């Protein structure tokens, strides 16, 4: 009886949390007519903004993930001085105001900075450019991938790696054939979270690039210029696109996916 009561209480609390999440989104969707949604989806500005948001976040996730995954393995396997400080620094972009993150990135990639001057010599201006948007997205979302990958590598039995090395496998081969496949689900989950968080970023991105407009900036611009009625269809459409992308990526990371067999 006590167990059943506890389950009922937990279920009710869970239902309240789900209602808290679903109710605002559902209310926004119900307040948008299908005709308005279709008209918004046909707008070239909206299509370009959503496409820009998706592909920049995806590229940022892939490029920064190439360096983040080996770094996560190092964090999971090695002890070194100031390791706690390093892990704290990794989590810092999650807790600082993202407007502050945008200001920090702007100073890092502006035309007067070393990075900005190097980019200018190559004909690349990060400010007001998709590359700058990608840097801002990666800055605020990279901790999700690093932490998930680190936990995945930490769950790989060390004895398997040592056994492979005993049999003559190189450290690189051990990493690619044992550690990486066994931690793959965590890595994919972290990459999905990084990708999704990058797509939703507003505060850091708007400081780096008001134009070209990613979708969160476009929603803000329409809300500020025309009000809720004009901004809401774009928000609803972007929610649907984000949900579809999230479901697709999650299905690839599921146990039944061929990538995890």
Protein backbone atom coordinates (compact mmCIF):
# COMPACT_ATOMS: atom_id res chain seq x y z
CA UNK A 1 0.00 0.00 0.00
CA UNK A 2 2.78 2.44 0.93
CA UNK A 3 4.60 1.62 -2.29
CA UNK A 4 1.47 2.21 -4.36
CA UNK A 5 0.89 5.54 -2.60
CA UNK A 6 4.45 6.58 -3.28
CA UNK A 7 4.08 5.67 -6.96
CA UNK A 8 0.88 7.71 -7.16
CA UNK A 9 2.59 10.73 -5.62
CA UNK A 10 5.57 10.43 -7.97
CA UNK A 11 3.23 10.02 -10.96
CA UNK A 12 1.28 13.14 -10.01
CA UNK A 13 4.49 15.12 -9.61
CA UNK A 14 5.68 13.86 -12.98
CA UNK A 15 2.36 14.83 -14.55
CA UNK A 16 2.70 18.35 -13.16
CA UNK A 17 6.19 18.68 -14.61
CA UNK A 18 5.01 17.44 -18.01
CA UNK A 19 2.08 19.86 -17.89
CA UNK A 20 4.44 22.69 -17.05
CA UNK A 21 6.52 21.86 -20.13
CA UNK A 22 3.73 21.03 -22.56
CA UNK A 23 1.07 23.62 -21.66
CA UNK A 24 2.89 26.78 -22.90
CA UNK A 25 4.03 25.06 -26.09
CA UNK A 26 0.63 23.54 -26.77
CA UNK A 27 -1.06 26.88 -26.12
CA UNK A 28 1.22 28.54 -28.65
CA UNK A 29 0.57 25.85 -31.24
CA UNK A 30 -3.21 25.99 -30.78
CA UNK A 31 -3.14 29.78 -31.11
CA UNK A 32 -1.56 29.48 -34.58
CA UNK A 33 -3.84 28.51 -37.44
CA UNK A 34 -2.62 26.00 -40.04
CA UNK A 35 -3.04 28.62 -42.77
CA UNK A 36 -0.81 31.09 -40.95
CA UNK A 37 1.75 28.38 -40.31
CA UNK A 38 1.85 27.35 -43.97
CA UNK A 39 2.12 30.95 -45.12
CA UNK A 40 5.03 31.48 -42.73
CA UNK A 41 6.73 28.30 -43.92
CA UNK A 42 6.64 29.60 -47.51
CA UNK A 43 8.47 32.81 -46.63
CA UNK A 44 11.99 32.87 -48.05
CA UNK A 45 13.31 34.74 -45.02
CA UNK A 46 11.99 32.09 -42.65
CA UNK A 47 13.26 29.20 -44.79
CA UNK A 48 16.71 30.75 -45.05
CA UNK A 49 16.86 31.45 -41.34
CA UNK A 50 15.90 27.92 -40.33
CA UNK A 51 18.33 26.38 -42.82
CA UNK A 52 21.12 28.66 -41.59
CA UNK A 53 20.40 27.71 -37.98
CA UNK A 54 20.39 23.98 -38.67
CA UNK A 55 23.47 23.71 -40.86
CA UNK A 56 25.65 26.06 -38.82
CA UNK A 57 24.82 24.23 -35.60
CA UNK A 58 25.49 20.88 -37.28
CA UNK A 59 28.85 21.98 -38.70
CA UNK A 60 29.88 23.51 -35.37
CA UNK A 61 29.00 20.27 -33.59
CA UNK A 62 31.04 18.17 -36.01
CA UNK A 63 34.11 20.41 -36.15
CA UNK A 64 34.39 21.07 -32.42
CA UNK A 65 33.44 17.47 -31.66
CA UNK A 66 36.55 16.26 -33.50
CA UNK A 67 38.68 17.89 -30.79
CA UNK A 68 36.22 17.49 -27.90
CA UNK A 69 35.91 13.69 -28.06
CA UNK A 70 39.65 12.91 -27.61
CA UNK A 71 39.78 15.58 -24.92
CA UNK A 72 36.87 13.87 -23.14
CA UNK A 73 38.78 10.58 -23.23
CA UNK A 74 41.76 12.29 -21.63
CA UNK A 75 39.52 13.68 -18.87
CA UNK A 76 38.04 10.25 -18.24
CA UNK A 77 41.30 8.33 -18.16
CA UNK A 78 44.07 10.62 -16.92
CA UNK A 79 44.79 12.38 -13.65
CA UNK A 80 46.75 15.60 -13.94
CA UNK A 81 47.33 18.76 -11.91
CA UNK A 82 44.43 21.22 -11.75
CA UNK A 83 42.04 18.70 -13.29
CA UNK A 84 39.15 19.97 -11.16
CA UNK A 85 39.86 23.48 -12.36
CA UNK A 86 39.79 22.27 -15.97
CA UNK A 87 36.44 20.54 -15.49
CA UNK A 88 35.11 23.70 -13.87
CA UNK A 89 36.23 25.79 -16.83
CA UNK A 90 34.48 23.37 -19.19
CA UNK A 91 31.16 23.93 -17.39
CA UNK A 92 31.60 27.70 -17.24
CA UNK A 93 29.77 28.49 -20.53
CA UNK A 94 26.66 26.81 -19.13
CA UNK A 95 26.41 29.04 -16.06
CA UNK A 96 27.54 32.46 -17.27
CA UNK A 97 24.96 34.79 -18.90
CA UNK A 98 24.99 34.13 -22.59
CA UNK A 99 25.06 37.83 -23.36
CA UNK A 100 28.34 37.90 -21.44
CA UNK A 101 29.49 34.91 -23.46
CA UNK A 102 28.68 36.80 -26.65
CA UNK A 103 30.68 39.83 -25.51
CA UNK A 104 33.63 37.57 -24.65
CA UNK A 105 33.49 35.87 -28.06
CA UNK A 106 33.15 39.22 -29.83
CA UNK A 107 36.37 40.40 -28.19
CA UNK A 108 38.01 37.13 -29.21
CA UNK A 109 37.04 37.21 -32.91
CA UNK A 110 36.69 40.95 -33.57
CA UNK A 111 38.77 42.61 -36.30
CA UNK A 112 41.22 43.99 -33.74
CA UNK A 113 41.92 40.62 -32.09
CA UNK A 114 44.63 38.17 -33.11
CA UNK A 115 42.05 35.64 -34.30
CA UNK A 116 40.16 38.34 -36.18
CA UNK A 117 43.32 39.58 -37.89
CA UNK A 118 44.23 36.05 -38.93
CA UNK A 119 40.72 35.61 -40.32
CA UNK A 120 40.93 38.93 -42.15
CA UNK A 121 44.21 37.87 -43.77
CA UNK A 122 42.36 34.83 -45.10
CA UNK A 123 39.44 36.95 -46.27
CA UNK A 124 37.19 35.85 -43.42
CA UNK A 125 35.36 38.22 -41.08
CA UNK A 126 33.83 36.31 -38.17
CA UNK A 127 31.53 39.14 -37.07
CA UNK A 128 28.27 39.03 -39.02
CA UNK A 129 29.26 35.74 -40.65
CA UNK A 130 28.07 32.12 -40.24
CA UNK A 131 31.52 31.16 -38.95
CA UNK A 132 31.12 33.60 -36.05
CA UNK A 133 27.63 32.24 -35.40
CA UNK A 134 29.07 28.72 -35.28
CA UNK A 135 31.72 29.79 -32.77
CA UNK A 136 29.06 31.34 -30.54
CA UNK A 137 26.88 28.24 -30.78
CA UNK A 138 29.80 25.93 -29.98
CA UNK A 139 30.94 28.03 -27.03
CA UNK A 140 27.66 27.67 -25.14
CA UNK A 141 26.91 24.08 -26.16
CA UNK A 142 30.28 22.31 -26.12
CA UNK A 143 30.09 21.33 -22.41
CA UNK A 144 27.14 19.03 -23.16
CA UNK A 145 29.22 16.94 -25.58
CA UNK A 146 32.38 16.94 -23.45
CA UNK A 147 30.59 15.86 -20.27
CA UNK A 148 28.52 13.17 -22.00
CA UNK A 149 31.53 11.75 -23.83
CA UNK A 150 33.63 11.83 -20.65
CA UNK A 151 30.97 9.84 -18.78
CA UNK A 152 30.79 7.38 -21.66
CA UNK A 153 34.55 6.79 -21.69
CA UNK A 154 34.58 6.51 -17.89
CA UNK A 155 32.10 3.64 -18.19
CA UNK A 156 34.38 1.63 -20.50
CA UNK A 157 36.20 -1.06 -18.46
CA UNK A 158 39.89 -0.23 -18.25
CA UNK A 159 40.74 -3.94 -18.25
CA UNK A 160 39.54 -4.24 -21.85
CA UNK A 161 41.89 -1.51 -22.98
CA UNK A 162 44.80 -3.00 -21.05
CA UNK A 163 44.09 -6.45 -22.45
CA UNK A 164 44.16 -5.11 -26.00
CA UNK A 165 47.45 -3.31 -25.37
CA UNK A 166 48.88 -6.50 -23.89
CA UNK A 167 48.02 -8.24 -27.16
CA UNK A 168 49.99 -5.63 -29.08
CA UNK A 169 47.35 -3.06 -30.04
CA UNK A 170 48.51 0.54 -30.21
CA UNK A 171 46.85 3.18 -28.02
CA UNK A 172 45.21 4.68 -31.11
CA UNK A 173 43.81 1.33 -32.16
CA UNK A 174 42.53 0.68 -28.65
CA UNK A 175 40.81 4.06 -28.69
CA UNK A 176 39.19 3.57 -32.09
CA UNK A 177 38.21 -0.11 -31.77
CA UNK A 178 37.34 -0.46 -28.09
CA UNK A 179 36.90 2.82 -26.21
CA UNK A 180 35.10 4.77 -28.93
CA UNK A 181 32.56 2.07 -29.91
CA UNK A 182 31.69 1.29 -26.27
CA UNK A 183 31.20 4.96 -25.44
CA UNK A 184 29.43 5.71 -28.71
CA UNK A 185 25.90 6.06 -27.33
CA UNK A 186 26.98 8.65 -24.78
CA UNK A 187 28.94 10.52 -27.44
CA UNK A 188 25.98 10.59 -29.82
CA UNK A 189 23.64 11.73 -27.04
CA UNK A 190 26.07 14.50 -26.13
CA UNK A 191 26.40 15.53 -29.77
CA UNK A 192 22.62 15.69 -30.11
CA UNK A 193 22.37 17.90 -27.04
CA UNK A 194 25.15 20.12 -28.35
CA UNK A 195 23.46 20.41 -31.73
CA UNK A 196 20.08 21.20 -30.20
CA UNK A 197 21.51 23.71 -27.74
CA UNK A 198 23.40 25.42 -30.55
CA UNK A 199 20.25 25.76 -32.63
CA UNK A 200 18.40 27.43 -29.76
CA UNK A 201 21.14 29.90 -28.82
CA UNK A 202 20.17 33.57 -28.88
CA UNK A 203 22.12 35.71 -26.40
CA UNK A 204 25.63 34.96 -27.65
CA UNK A 205 24.69 34.79 -31.32
CA UNK A 206 22.89 38.13 -31.52
CA UNK A 207 26.01 39.94 -30.30
CA UNK A 208 28.21 38.24 -32.89
CA UNK A 209 25.78 38.43 -35.81
CA UNK A 210 22.39 40.13 -35.95
CA UNK A 211 22.59 39.44 -39.68
CA UNK A 212 22.44 36.87 -41.14
CA UNK A 213 19.58 35.99 -38.83
CA UNK A 214 19.36 32.59 -37.19
CA UNK A 215 15.80 31.65 -36.25
CA UNK A 216 15.96 32.64 -32.55
CA UNK A 217 17.10 36.12 -33.63
CA UNK A 218 14.41 36.27 -36.33
CA UNK A 219 11.74 35.42 -33.74
CA UNK A 220 13.04 38.16 -31.47
CA UNK A 221 13.20 40.67 -34.33
CA UNK A 222 9.62 39.99 -35.40
CA UNK A 223 8.36 40.12 -31.84
CA UNK A 224 10.09 43.44 -31.21
CA UNK A 225 8.95 44.96 -34.50
CA UNK A 226 5.45 43.55 -34.98
CA UNK A 227 4.42 41.81 -31.76
CA UNK A 228 3.37 38.35 -30.64
CA UNK A 229 1.02 37.57 -33.52
CA UNK A 230 3.75 37.97 -36.12
CA UNK A 231 6.47 36.21 -34.13
CA UNK A 232 4.46 33.22 -32.93
CA UNK A 233 4.12 31.34 -36.27
CA UNK A 234 7.91 31.41 -36.75
CA UNK A 235 8.38 30.09 -33.21
CA UNK A 236 5.88 27.28 -33.77
CA UNK A 237 7.46 26.33 -37.08
CA UNK A 238 10.93 26.28 -35.53
CA UNK A 239 9.65 24.09 -32.67
CA UNK A 240 8.34 21.57 -35.19
CA UNK A 241 11.62 21.59 -37.12
CA UNK A 242 13.65 21.21 -33.92
CA UNK A 243 11.40 18.38 -32.73
CA UNK A 244 11.72 16.56 -36.04
CA UNK A 245 15.51 16.91 -36.02
CA UNK A 246 15.70 15.80 -32.40
CA UNK A 247 13.55 12.70 -33.02
CA UNK A 248 15.58 11.78 -36.10
CA UNK A 249 18.91 12.09 -34.32
CA UNK A 250 17.61 10.25 -31.25
CA UNK A 251 16.41 7.40 -33.46
CA UNK A 252 19.91 7.08 -34.89
CA UNK A 253 21.27 6.84 -31.35
CA UNK A 254 18.73 4.26 -30.21
CA UNK A 255 19.82 0.68 -29.40
CA UNK A 256 17.97 -0.63 -32.47
CA UNK A 257 19.85 1.66 -34.82
CA UNK A 258 22.38 -0.06 -37.07
CA UNK A 259 25.00 2.43 -35.87
CA UNK A 260 24.86 0.94 -32.38
CA UNK A 261 24.95 -2.74 -33.19
